[in-house]
N, C-alpha and C. Protein backbone atom coordinates (compact mmCIF):
# COMPACT_ATOMS: atom_id res chain seq x y z
N MET A 1 -23.41 4.21 2.87
CA MET A 1 -21.99 4.08 3.13
C MET A 1 -21.40 5.52 3.51
N SER A 2 -20.62 5.47 4.50
CA SER A 2 -20.06 6.73 4.97
C SER A 2 -18.83 7.10 3.72
N ASP A 3 -18.30 8.39 4.11
CA ASP A 3 -17.22 8.82 3.24
C ASP A 3 -15.96 8.30 3.67
N ARG A 4 -15.40 7.39 2.97
CA ARG A 4 -14.17 6.65 3.37
C ARG A 4 -12.88 7.40 2.65
N THR A 5 -12.75 8.52 3.18
CA THR A 5 -11.55 9.33 2.59
C THR A 5 -10.69 9.85 3.77
N ALA A 6 -9.52 10.20 3.49
CA ALA A 6 -8.58 10.78 4.50
C ALA A 6 -7.55 11.57 3.79
N ALA A 7 -6.97 12.60 4.66
CA ALA A 7 -5.88 13.55 4.29
C ALA A 7 -4.87 13.48 5.41
N VAL A 8 -3.76 13.06 5.11
CA VAL A 8 -2.70 12.96 6.19
C VAL A 8 -1.43 13.70 5.68
N THR A 9 -0.81 14.36 6.54
CA THR A 9 0.44 15.11 6.28
C THR A 9 1.52 14.45 7.30
N ARG A 10 2.75 14.47 6.77
CA ARG A 10 3.82 14.10 7.77
C ARG A 10 5.11 15.06 7.33
N GLU A 11 5.64 15.70 8.33
CA GLU A 11 6.76 16.64 8.10
C GLU A 11 7.88 16.22 9.07
N THR A 12 8.97 15.79 8.56
CA THR A 12 10.29 15.52 9.47
C THR A 12 11.41 16.35 8.79
N ALA A 13 12.50 16.19 9.38
CA ALA A 13 13.71 16.78 8.88
C ALA A 13 14.12 16.25 7.64
N GLU A 14 13.55 14.91 7.30
CA GLU A 14 14.04 14.25 6.01
C GLU A 14 12.85 14.21 4.91
N THR A 15 11.64 14.57 5.31
CA THR A 15 10.67 14.43 4.26
C THR A 15 9.43 15.51 4.66
N ASP A 16 8.71 15.94 3.57
CA ASP A 16 7.49 16.77 3.76
C ASP A 16 6.55 16.04 2.89
N ILE A 17 5.38 15.56 3.49
CA ILE A 17 4.57 14.59 2.67
C ILE A 17 3.08 15.13 2.84
N GLU A 18 2.33 15.03 1.78
CA GLU A 18 0.85 15.17 1.86
C GLU A 18 0.18 14.07 1.05
N VAL A 19 -0.71 13.25 1.70
CA VAL A 19 -1.36 12.11 1.07
C VAL A 19 -2.86 12.29 1.31
N THR A 20 -3.75 12.15 0.27
CA THR A 20 -5.02 12.00 0.33
C THR A 20 -5.48 10.52 -0.34
N VAL A 21 -6.37 9.94 0.20
CA VAL A 21 -6.95 8.72 -0.35
C VAL A 21 -8.38 8.56 -0.16
N ASP A 22 -9.14 8.19 -1.20
CA ASP A 22 -10.47 7.86 -1.33
C ASP A 22 -10.49 6.38 -1.55
N VAL A 23 -10.99 5.55 -0.58
CA VAL A 23 -10.97 4.02 -0.76
C VAL A 23 -11.85 3.70 -1.77
N ASP A 24 -13.02 4.51 -1.93
CA ASP A 24 -14.22 3.96 -2.92
C ASP A 24 -13.97 4.85 -4.13
N GLY A 25 -12.65 5.05 -4.63
CA GLY A 25 -12.41 5.81 -5.93
C GLY A 25 -12.61 5.21 -7.13
N ASP A 26 -12.03 5.83 -8.12
CA ASP A 26 -12.12 5.39 -9.59
C ASP A 26 -10.72 4.96 -9.98
N GLY A 27 -9.71 5.05 -9.11
CA GLY A 27 -8.39 4.57 -9.59
C GLY A 27 -7.53 5.74 -10.17
N ASP A 28 -7.99 7.11 -9.77
CA ASP A 28 -7.19 8.26 -10.34
C ASP A 28 -6.09 8.45 -9.29
N ALA A 29 -4.98 8.83 -9.79
CA ALA A 29 -3.76 9.18 -9.02
C ALA A 29 -3.06 10.43 -9.51
N THR A 30 -2.69 11.33 -8.63
CA THR A 30 -1.59 12.21 -8.95
C THR A 30 -0.44 12.14 -7.83
N VAL A 31 0.63 11.79 -8.30
CA VAL A 31 1.68 11.47 -7.56
C VAL A 31 2.95 12.05 -7.86
N ASP A 32 3.61 12.67 -7.00
CA ASP A 32 4.98 13.38 -7.31
C ASP A 32 5.90 13.11 -5.99
N THR A 33 6.69 12.22 -6.07
CA THR A 33 7.84 11.78 -5.02
C THR A 33 9.16 12.19 -5.32
N GLY A 34 9.35 12.53 -6.54
CA GLY A 34 10.70 12.70 -7.07
C GLY A 34 11.51 11.44 -7.54
N VAL A 35 10.82 10.32 -7.26
CA VAL A 35 11.40 8.97 -7.60
C VAL A 35 10.51 8.39 -8.76
N GLY A 36 10.88 8.46 -9.93
CA GLY A 36 9.96 8.05 -11.09
C GLY A 36 9.34 6.68 -10.88
N PHE A 37 10.12 5.69 -10.74
CA PHE A 37 9.52 4.32 -10.68
C PHE A 37 8.63 4.20 -9.51
N PHE A 38 8.91 4.82 -8.41
CA PHE A 38 8.05 4.83 -7.25
C PHE A 38 6.73 5.45 -7.51
N ASP A 39 6.77 6.64 -8.25
CA ASP A 39 5.62 7.23 -8.68
C ASP A 39 4.68 6.21 -9.65
N HIS A 40 5.40 5.62 -10.59
CA HIS A 40 4.52 4.61 -11.30
C HIS A 40 4.03 3.46 -10.42
N MET A 41 4.71 2.99 -9.47
CA MET A 41 4.11 1.92 -8.67
C MET A 41 2.89 2.60 -7.93
N LEU A 42 3.02 3.75 -7.39
CA LEU A 42 1.81 4.28 -6.60
C LEU A 42 0.63 4.52 -7.50
N GLU A 43 1.02 5.02 -8.77
CA GLU A 43 0.05 5.06 -9.73
C GLU A 43 -0.69 3.81 -10.12
N SER A 44 0.12 2.71 -10.21
CA SER A 44 -0.35 1.38 -10.44
C SER A 44 -1.17 0.88 -9.40
N PHE A 45 -0.72 1.06 -8.11
CA PHE A 45 -1.48 0.80 -6.83
C PHE A 45 -2.85 1.47 -6.94
N ALA A 46 -2.89 2.66 -7.17
CA ALA A 46 -4.30 3.30 -7.25
C ALA A 46 -5.13 2.77 -8.27
N LYS A 47 -4.58 2.62 -9.51
CA LYS A 47 -5.35 2.05 -10.67
C LYS A 47 -5.84 0.62 -10.34
N HIS A 48 -5.10 -0.23 -9.89
CA HIS A 48 -5.62 -1.58 -9.73
C HIS A 48 -6.43 -1.95 -8.42
N GLY A 49 -6.27 -0.83 -7.51
CA GLY A 49 -7.01 -0.93 -6.26
C GLY A 49 -8.45 -0.11 -6.34
N LEU A 50 -8.42 0.68 -7.46
CA LEU A 50 -9.58 1.56 -7.66
C LEU A 50 -9.68 2.53 -6.44
N PHE A 51 -8.53 3.13 -5.93
CA PHE A 51 -8.30 4.07 -4.95
C PHE A 51 -7.93 5.42 -5.58
N ASP A 52 -8.61 6.50 -5.26
CA ASP A 52 -8.19 7.81 -5.75
C ASP A 52 -7.11 8.30 -4.79
N LEU A 53 -5.95 8.67 -5.25
CA LEU A 53 -4.86 8.89 -4.42
C LEU A 53 -4.08 10.17 -4.92
N THR A 54 -3.78 10.95 -3.94
CA THR A 54 -2.65 12.12 -4.32
C THR A 54 -1.59 11.86 -3.49
N VAL A 55 -0.45 11.93 -3.96
CA VAL A 55 0.87 11.89 -2.94
C VAL A 55 1.73 12.87 -3.41
N ARG A 56 2.20 13.80 -2.41
CA ARG A 56 3.20 14.75 -2.87
C ARG A 56 4.31 14.57 -1.78
N CYS A 57 5.52 14.42 -2.16
CA CYS A 57 6.53 14.16 -1.26
C CYS A 57 7.77 14.95 -1.69
N ASP A 58 8.37 15.83 -0.73
CA ASP A 58 9.70 16.52 -1.08
C ASP A 58 10.61 15.95 0.09
N GLY A 59 11.43 14.91 -0.54
CA GLY A 59 12.24 14.24 0.42
C GLY A 59 13.88 14.55 0.16
N ASP A 60 14.71 13.86 1.01
CA ASP A 60 16.12 14.16 0.86
C ASP A 60 16.71 13.14 -0.05
N LEU A 61 16.24 13.35 -1.32
CA LEU A 61 16.80 12.41 -2.42
C LEU A 61 18.19 12.50 -2.72
N ALA A 62 18.87 13.60 -2.19
CA ALA A 62 20.24 13.68 -2.41
C ALA A 62 21.02 12.66 -1.63
N ILE A 63 20.41 12.13 -0.59
CA ILE A 63 20.94 11.02 0.24
C ILE A 63 20.68 9.73 -0.55
N ASP A 64 19.45 9.24 -0.62
CA ASP A 64 18.99 8.17 -1.32
C ASP A 64 17.42 8.18 -1.19
N ASP A 65 16.75 7.12 -1.73
CA ASP A 65 15.26 6.97 -1.69
C ASP A 65 14.63 6.38 -0.40
N HIS A 66 15.47 6.13 0.64
CA HIS A 66 14.96 5.35 1.68
C HIS A 66 13.86 6.15 2.42
N HIS A 67 14.19 7.43 2.93
CA HIS A 67 13.31 8.14 3.67
C HIS A 67 12.12 8.54 2.80
N THR A 68 12.21 8.78 1.67
CA THR A 68 11.10 9.13 0.74
C THR A 68 10.09 7.94 0.66
N VAL A 69 10.64 6.70 0.37
CA VAL A 69 9.76 5.56 0.35
C VAL A 69 9.09 5.09 1.62
N GLU A 70 9.79 5.15 2.69
CA GLU A 70 9.45 4.65 3.96
C GLU A 70 8.47 5.64 4.48
N ASP A 71 8.54 6.97 4.35
CA ASP A 71 7.60 7.99 4.99
C ASP A 71 6.44 8.07 4.23
N VAL A 72 6.45 7.91 2.79
CA VAL A 72 5.17 7.82 2.09
C VAL A 72 4.39 6.53 2.55
N ALA A 73 5.03 5.57 2.74
CA ALA A 73 4.31 4.31 3.34
C ALA A 73 3.71 4.59 4.54
N ILE A 74 4.47 5.17 5.47
CA ILE A 74 3.79 5.56 6.80
C ILE A 74 2.64 6.30 6.74
N THR A 75 2.82 7.37 5.80
CA THR A 75 1.51 8.38 5.63
C THR A 75 0.47 7.77 4.95
N LEU A 76 0.77 6.90 3.86
CA LEU A 76 -0.21 6.11 3.29
C LEU A 76 -1.05 5.18 4.16
N GLY A 77 -0.32 4.45 4.90
CA GLY A 77 -0.89 3.47 5.96
C GLY A 77 -1.71 4.14 6.93
N GLU A 78 -1.33 5.36 7.52
CA GLU A 78 -2.09 6.09 8.26
C GLU A 78 -3.50 6.62 7.69
N ALA A 79 -3.32 7.03 6.39
CA ALA A 79 -4.55 7.53 5.65
C ALA A 79 -5.49 6.45 5.48
N PHE A 80 -4.88 5.19 5.18
CA PHE A 80 -5.91 4.13 5.00
C PHE A 80 -6.56 3.79 6.39
N ALA A 81 -5.98 3.68 7.40
CA ALA A 81 -6.45 3.49 8.70
C ALA A 81 -7.47 4.55 9.02
N GLU A 82 -7.25 5.72 8.76
CA GLU A 82 -8.23 6.78 9.11
C GLU A 82 -9.41 6.77 8.11
N ALA A 83 -9.19 6.55 6.91
CA ALA A 83 -10.24 6.41 5.96
C ALA A 83 -11.36 5.29 6.33
N LEU A 84 -10.77 4.30 6.72
CA LEU A 84 -11.53 3.00 7.16
C LEU A 84 -12.35 3.12 8.49
N GLY A 85 -11.91 4.04 9.38
CA GLY A 85 -12.58 4.33 10.67
C GLY A 85 -12.70 3.11 11.59
N GLU A 86 -13.95 2.84 11.87
CA GLU A 86 -14.36 1.70 12.61
C GLU A 86 -14.32 0.39 11.96
N LYS A 87 -14.22 0.50 10.60
CA LYS A 87 -14.13 -0.77 9.63
C LYS A 87 -15.44 -1.51 9.65
N ARG A 88 -16.38 -0.85 9.85
CA ARG A 88 -17.88 -1.50 9.76
C ARG A 88 -18.15 -2.14 8.36
N ALA A 89 -18.61 -3.22 8.35
CA ALA A 89 -19.07 -3.99 7.00
C ALA A 89 -18.03 -4.35 6.10
N ILE A 90 -16.81 -4.14 6.42
CA ILE A 90 -15.73 -4.53 5.44
C ILE A 90 -15.62 -6.00 5.34
N THR A 91 -15.08 -6.44 4.27
CA THR A 91 -14.80 -7.94 3.98
C THR A 91 -13.67 -8.41 4.98
N ARG A 92 -12.70 -7.62 5.22
CA ARG A 92 -11.62 -7.82 6.18
C ARG A 92 -10.60 -8.57 5.62
N TYR A 93 -10.67 -9.73 4.96
CA TYR A 93 -9.72 -10.68 4.54
C TYR A 93 -9.59 -10.65 3.03
N ALA A 94 -8.34 -10.85 2.52
CA ALA A 94 -8.22 -10.93 1.11
C ALA A 94 -6.85 -11.86 0.83
N ASP A 95 -6.84 -12.42 -0.40
CA ASP A 95 -5.62 -13.10 -0.89
C ASP A 95 -5.52 -12.98 -2.33
N ARG A 96 -4.43 -12.35 -2.80
CA ARG A 96 -4.40 -12.05 -4.30
C ARG A 96 -3.06 -12.47 -4.84
N ARG A 97 -3.02 -13.13 -5.81
CA ARG A 97 -1.61 -13.28 -6.65
C ARG A 97 -1.77 -12.67 -7.89
N VAL A 98 -0.80 -12.02 -8.37
CA VAL A 98 -0.66 -11.27 -9.55
C VAL A 98 0.70 -11.68 -10.28
N PRO A 99 0.43 -12.02 -11.61
CA PRO A 99 1.68 -12.30 -12.36
C PRO A 99 2.03 -11.15 -13.21
N LEU A 100 3.35 -10.92 -13.60
CA LEU A 100 3.70 -10.05 -14.48
C LEU A 100 4.79 -10.66 -15.22
N ASP A 101 4.56 -11.18 -16.41
CA ASP A 101 5.52 -12.04 -17.18
C ASP A 101 6.02 -13.14 -16.38
N GLU A 102 7.40 -13.24 -16.13
CA GLU A 102 7.90 -14.31 -15.50
C GLU A 102 7.78 -14.06 -14.00
N ALA A 103 7.38 -13.06 -13.37
CA ALA A 103 7.31 -12.69 -11.94
C ALA A 103 5.82 -12.99 -11.46
N VAL A 104 5.76 -13.32 -10.24
CA VAL A 104 4.51 -13.52 -9.70
C VAL A 104 4.68 -13.03 -8.16
N ALA A 105 3.67 -12.38 -7.71
CA ALA A 105 3.66 -11.75 -6.27
C ALA A 105 2.37 -12.28 -5.75
N SER A 106 2.33 -12.36 -4.47
CA SER A 106 1.08 -12.73 -3.63
C SER A 106 1.06 -11.78 -2.45
N VAL A 107 -0.07 -11.52 -1.99
CA VAL A 107 -0.37 -10.66 -0.83
C VAL A 107 -1.55 -11.35 -0.24
N VAL A 108 -1.38 -11.73 1.11
CA VAL A 108 -2.63 -12.22 1.91
C VAL A 108 -2.64 -11.11 3.08
N LEU A 109 -3.87 -10.58 3.26
CA LEU A 109 -4.01 -9.67 4.37
C LEU A 109 -5.25 -9.73 5.05
N ASP A 110 -5.12 -9.14 6.24
CA ASP A 110 -6.27 -9.05 7.30
C ASP A 110 -6.26 -7.76 7.89
N ILE A 111 -7.30 -7.04 7.58
CA ILE A 111 -7.42 -5.62 8.23
C ILE A 111 -7.89 -5.75 9.55
N SER A 112 -6.92 -6.18 10.45
CA SER A 112 -7.07 -6.61 11.86
C SER A 112 -6.97 -5.75 12.89
N GLY A 113 -6.38 -4.70 12.74
CA GLY A 113 -6.03 -3.82 13.81
C GLY A 113 -4.87 -4.25 14.51
N ARG A 114 -4.12 -5.24 13.93
CA ARG A 114 -2.89 -5.83 14.49
C ARG A 114 -1.80 -5.76 13.44
N PRO A 115 -0.86 -4.90 13.60
CA PRO A 115 0.13 -4.71 12.59
C PRO A 115 1.10 -5.89 12.76
N TYR A 116 1.27 -6.60 11.44
CA TYR A 116 2.30 -7.61 11.39
C TYR A 116 2.60 -7.75 9.89
N PHE A 117 3.93 -8.00 9.58
CA PHE A 117 4.42 -8.20 8.27
C PHE A 117 5.33 -9.35 8.05
N GLN A 118 5.03 -10.13 7.13
CA GLN A 118 5.77 -11.30 6.80
C GLN A 118 6.23 -11.29 5.36
N TRP A 119 7.44 -11.55 5.12
CA TRP A 119 7.96 -11.52 3.69
C TRP A 119 8.70 -12.80 3.32
N ASP A 120 8.47 -13.20 2.08
CA ASP A 120 9.20 -14.34 1.43
C ASP A 120 9.58 -14.00 0.00
N GLY A 121 10.89 -13.84 -0.16
CA GLY A 121 11.26 -13.63 -1.59
C GLY A 121 12.56 -12.54 -1.58
N ALA A 122 12.88 -12.35 -2.81
CA ALA A 122 14.10 -11.41 -2.99
C ALA A 122 13.95 -10.82 -4.36
N PHE A 123 14.57 -9.70 -4.60
CA PHE A 123 14.48 -9.05 -5.81
C PHE A 123 15.65 -9.40 -6.77
N SER A 124 15.50 -9.57 -8.08
CA SER A 124 16.44 -10.11 -8.90
C SER A 124 17.56 -9.02 -9.14
N GLN A 125 17.34 -7.71 -9.13
CA GLN A 125 18.41 -6.77 -9.47
C GLN A 125 18.20 -5.75 -8.17
N PRO A 126 19.39 -5.10 -7.77
CA PRO A 126 19.29 -4.09 -6.54
C PRO A 126 18.48 -2.91 -6.86
N THR A 127 18.35 -2.45 -8.20
CA THR A 127 17.61 -1.14 -8.38
C THR A 127 16.78 -1.36 -9.69
N VAL A 128 15.77 -0.46 -9.66
CA VAL A 128 14.96 -0.21 -10.88
C VAL A 128 15.01 1.31 -11.10
N GLY A 129 15.71 1.83 -12.09
CA GLY A 129 15.99 3.22 -12.25
C GLY A 129 16.71 3.70 -10.83
N GLU A 130 16.16 4.72 -10.33
CA GLU A 130 16.56 5.24 -8.95
C GLU A 130 15.99 4.69 -7.82
N PHE A 131 15.14 3.69 -7.99
CA PHE A 131 14.42 3.01 -6.88
C PHE A 131 15.14 1.78 -6.35
N THR A 132 15.48 1.74 -5.10
CA THR A 132 16.16 0.70 -4.60
C THR A 132 15.18 -0.57 -4.38
N SER A 133 15.47 -1.54 -4.98
CA SER A 133 14.36 -2.79 -5.19
C SER A 133 13.92 -3.29 -3.74
N ASP A 134 14.80 -3.33 -2.90
CA ASP A 134 14.27 -3.74 -1.53
C ASP A 134 13.37 -2.81 -0.87
N MET A 135 13.37 -1.54 -1.21
CA MET A 135 12.47 -0.61 -0.65
C MET A 135 11.05 -1.02 -0.92
N ALA A 136 10.78 -1.87 -1.87
CA ALA A 136 9.38 -2.28 -1.93
C ALA A 136 8.91 -3.16 -0.90
N ARG A 137 9.87 -3.98 -0.48
CA ARG A 137 9.50 -4.82 0.83
C ARG A 137 9.29 -3.76 1.95
N HIS A 138 10.25 -2.97 2.15
CA HIS A 138 10.13 -2.12 3.23
C HIS A 138 8.95 -1.17 3.23
N PHE A 139 8.62 -0.95 2.02
CA PHE A 139 7.33 0.03 1.76
C PHE A 139 6.11 -0.69 2.44
N TRP A 140 5.95 -2.03 2.10
CA TRP A 140 4.83 -2.66 2.56
C TRP A 140 4.77 -3.11 3.99
N GLU A 141 6.08 -3.39 4.60
CA GLU A 141 6.27 -3.53 5.86
C GLU A 141 5.94 -2.16 6.67
N SER A 142 6.22 -1.15 6.28
CA SER A 142 5.91 0.16 6.93
C SER A 142 4.54 0.52 6.80
N PHE A 143 3.88 0.27 5.58
CA PHE A 143 2.44 0.42 5.33
C PHE A 143 1.63 -0.39 6.38
N ALA A 144 2.00 -1.74 6.40
CA ALA A 144 1.35 -2.60 7.29
C ALA A 144 1.33 -2.08 8.84
N MET A 145 2.47 -1.67 9.39
CA MET A 145 2.65 -1.24 10.62
C MET A 145 1.79 0.06 10.86
N HIS A 146 1.53 0.84 9.98
CA HIS A 146 0.86 2.16 10.18
C HIS A 146 -0.65 2.13 9.74
N ALA A 147 -1.01 1.02 9.05
CA ALA A 147 -2.39 0.83 8.67
C ALA A 147 -3.00 -0.12 9.59
N ASP A 148 -2.21 -0.64 10.54
CA ASP A 148 -2.71 -1.70 11.51
C ASP A 148 -3.23 -2.86 10.79
N VAL A 149 -2.61 -3.38 9.73
CA VAL A 149 -2.99 -4.54 9.09
C VAL A 149 -2.11 -5.79 9.13
N THR A 150 -2.39 -6.95 9.06
CA THR A 150 -1.61 -8.03 9.00
C THR A 150 -1.41 -8.34 7.60
N LEU A 151 -0.14 -8.34 7.07
CA LEU A 151 0.17 -8.47 5.55
C LEU A 151 1.25 -9.48 5.32
N HIS A 152 1.05 -10.58 4.68
CA HIS A 152 1.97 -11.51 4.18
C HIS A 152 2.29 -11.37 2.64
N ALA A 153 3.48 -11.16 2.35
CA ALA A 153 3.79 -10.88 0.89
C ALA A 153 5.03 -11.71 0.44
N ALA A 154 4.76 -12.21 -0.80
CA ALA A 154 5.93 -12.95 -1.43
C ALA A 154 6.07 -12.54 -2.88
N VAL A 155 7.33 -12.76 -3.42
CA VAL A 155 7.55 -12.33 -4.81
C VAL A 155 8.53 -13.40 -5.29
N ASP A 156 8.43 -13.76 -6.53
CA ASP A 156 9.36 -14.65 -7.27
C ASP A 156 9.43 -14.20 -8.67
N GLY A 157 10.70 -14.20 -9.35
CA GLY A 157 10.72 -13.81 -10.76
C GLY A 157 12.21 -13.77 -10.96
N GLN A 158 12.51 -12.94 -12.09
CA GLN A 158 13.79 -12.88 -12.61
C GLN A 158 14.10 -11.41 -13.02
N ASN A 159 13.24 -10.43 -12.92
CA ASN A 159 13.28 -9.22 -13.26
C ASN A 159 12.74 -8.33 -12.13
N ALA A 160 13.56 -7.36 -11.56
CA ALA A 160 13.10 -6.60 -10.40
C ALA A 160 12.03 -5.65 -10.77
N HIS A 161 12.06 -5.07 -11.95
CA HIS A 161 10.83 -4.33 -12.33
C HIS A 161 9.53 -5.01 -12.33
N HIS A 162 9.47 -6.22 -12.91
CA HIS A 162 8.20 -7.15 -12.92
C HIS A 162 7.97 -7.50 -11.46
N GLU A 163 8.95 -7.88 -10.73
CA GLU A 163 8.62 -8.39 -9.41
C GLU A 163 8.13 -7.30 -8.52
N VAL A 164 8.61 -6.10 -8.53
CA VAL A 164 8.13 -4.93 -7.72
C VAL A 164 6.71 -4.57 -8.09
N GLU A 165 6.63 -4.49 -9.41
CA GLU A 165 5.21 -4.03 -9.94
C GLU A 165 4.22 -5.07 -9.59
N ALA A 166 4.41 -6.38 -9.73
CA ALA A 166 3.48 -7.31 -9.35
C ALA A 166 3.14 -7.29 -7.89
N LEU A 167 4.17 -6.96 -7.19
CA LEU A 167 3.75 -6.82 -5.63
C LEU A 167 2.95 -5.71 -5.53
N PHE A 168 3.22 -4.55 -6.02
CA PHE A 168 2.25 -3.38 -5.80
C PHE A 168 0.77 -3.64 -6.29
N LYS A 169 0.74 -4.45 -7.41
CA LYS A 169 -0.56 -4.65 -8.02
C LYS A 169 -1.27 -5.70 -7.12
N SER A 170 -0.54 -6.70 -6.62
CA SER A 170 -1.26 -7.81 -5.78
C SER A 170 -1.71 -7.16 -4.37
N ALA A 171 -0.91 -6.21 -3.84
CA ALA A 171 -1.37 -5.54 -2.69
C ALA A 171 -2.55 -4.61 -2.95
N ALA A 172 -2.58 -3.98 -4.10
CA ALA A 172 -3.73 -3.15 -4.56
C ALA A 172 -5.03 -3.84 -4.53
N ARG A 173 -4.93 -5.15 -5.29
CA ARG A 173 -6.11 -5.90 -5.49
C ARG A 173 -6.62 -6.47 -4.12
N ALA A 174 -5.54 -6.86 -3.23
CA ALA A 174 -5.91 -7.46 -1.98
C ALA A 174 -6.62 -6.42 -1.10
N LEU A 175 -6.10 -5.22 -1.16
CA LEU A 175 -6.75 -4.07 -0.21
C LEU A 175 -8.08 -3.75 -0.85
N ASP A 176 -8.21 -3.74 -2.18
CA ASP A 176 -9.59 -3.43 -2.74
C ASP A 176 -10.61 -4.50 -2.26
N ASP A 177 -10.17 -5.72 -2.33
CA ASP A 177 -11.03 -6.82 -1.93
C ASP A 177 -11.35 -6.73 -0.43
N ALA A 178 -10.39 -6.55 0.46
CA ALA A 178 -10.55 -6.43 1.88
C ALA A 178 -11.33 -5.33 2.50
N THR A 179 -11.23 -4.19 1.68
CA THR A 179 -12.02 -2.98 2.02
C THR A 179 -13.32 -2.82 1.55
N ARG A 180 -13.64 -3.79 0.69
CA ARG A 180 -15.07 -3.78 0.11
C ARG A 180 -16.18 -3.98 1.20
N LEU A 181 -17.21 -3.34 1.07
CA LEU A 181 -18.33 -3.46 1.95
C LEU A 181 -19.19 -4.63 1.67
N ASP A 182 -19.50 -5.40 2.80
CA ASP A 182 -20.37 -6.68 2.76
C ASP A 182 -21.80 -6.32 3.01
N ASP A 183 -22.66 -6.31 2.05
CA ASP A 183 -24.06 -5.76 2.23
C ASP A 183 -24.86 -6.74 3.27
N ARG A 184 -24.25 -7.77 3.74
CA ARG A 184 -24.84 -8.73 4.64
C ARG A 184 -24.62 -8.32 6.14
N ARG A 185 -23.70 -7.27 6.40
CA ARG A 185 -23.38 -6.92 7.67
C ARG A 185 -23.26 -5.33 7.81
N SER A 186 -23.52 -5.00 9.05
CA SER A 186 -23.42 -3.60 9.32
C SER A 186 -22.55 -3.30 10.49
N ASP A 187 -22.11 -4.34 11.15
CA ASP A 187 -21.06 -4.26 12.26
C ASP A 187 -19.64 -4.43 11.86
N THR A 188 -18.77 -4.25 12.74
CA THR A 188 -17.40 -4.60 12.61
C THR A 188 -17.13 -6.18 12.53
N PRO A 189 -16.45 -6.66 11.52
CA PRO A 189 -16.30 -8.02 11.40
C PRO A 189 -15.33 -8.63 12.41
N SER A 190 -15.80 -8.78 13.67
CA SER A 190 -14.87 -9.27 14.72
C SER A 190 -15.72 -9.69 15.88
N THR A 191 -15.48 -10.89 16.59
CA THR A 191 -16.28 -11.19 17.72
C THR A 191 -15.97 -10.34 18.79
N LYS A 192 -14.95 -9.50 18.82
CA LYS A 192 -14.56 -8.54 19.86
C LYS A 192 -15.49 -7.39 19.74
N GLY A 193 -15.99 -7.08 18.41
CA GLY A 193 -16.74 -5.92 18.20
C GLY A 193 -16.07 -4.67 17.75
N GLU A 194 -14.65 -4.80 17.59
CA GLU A 194 -13.89 -3.88 17.02
C GLU A 194 -12.63 -4.44 16.43
N LEU A 195 -12.10 -3.62 15.49
CA LEU A 195 -10.79 -4.08 15.01
C LEU A 195 -9.70 -2.89 15.23
């Protein structure tokens, strides 16, 4: 198995970001975005996907959390795409549902090389701490566009904290499943020969 790691940086007038990811990690995370709940979600994502992850973001939080969340998603998506390389021997598809108390989230994905995002649901409260709840939807949309994956996500519940957390956990588990290596193949899982 090749080393499936990547380090990606992004610097704009709005954010300065460094992300490293090891797809075959142990779930260790060091995260500092300046948004406490968002840090918690990224740590949860790493833990439940068994990805080693570092994220450092200096963003324009005096305005709001939008640029920080969006640009971290872009950078993390690019890091996953780089770490997976030619995507040889990956499982490719995954479907995960995760509950958290009254909330349930589902993520269905295809590491397809074709970016697409479909969303069904709404968050019960507009914010969780200083995190704007709908930014969870926007995070996964931005991730999908920059990781070149097809991602369908849905959430239902009564508590935005639970809804957002279930979404990050279901995405983590689905990505863990889809990036696993299938020892029955050595090629890229596509009739085209590439993803």
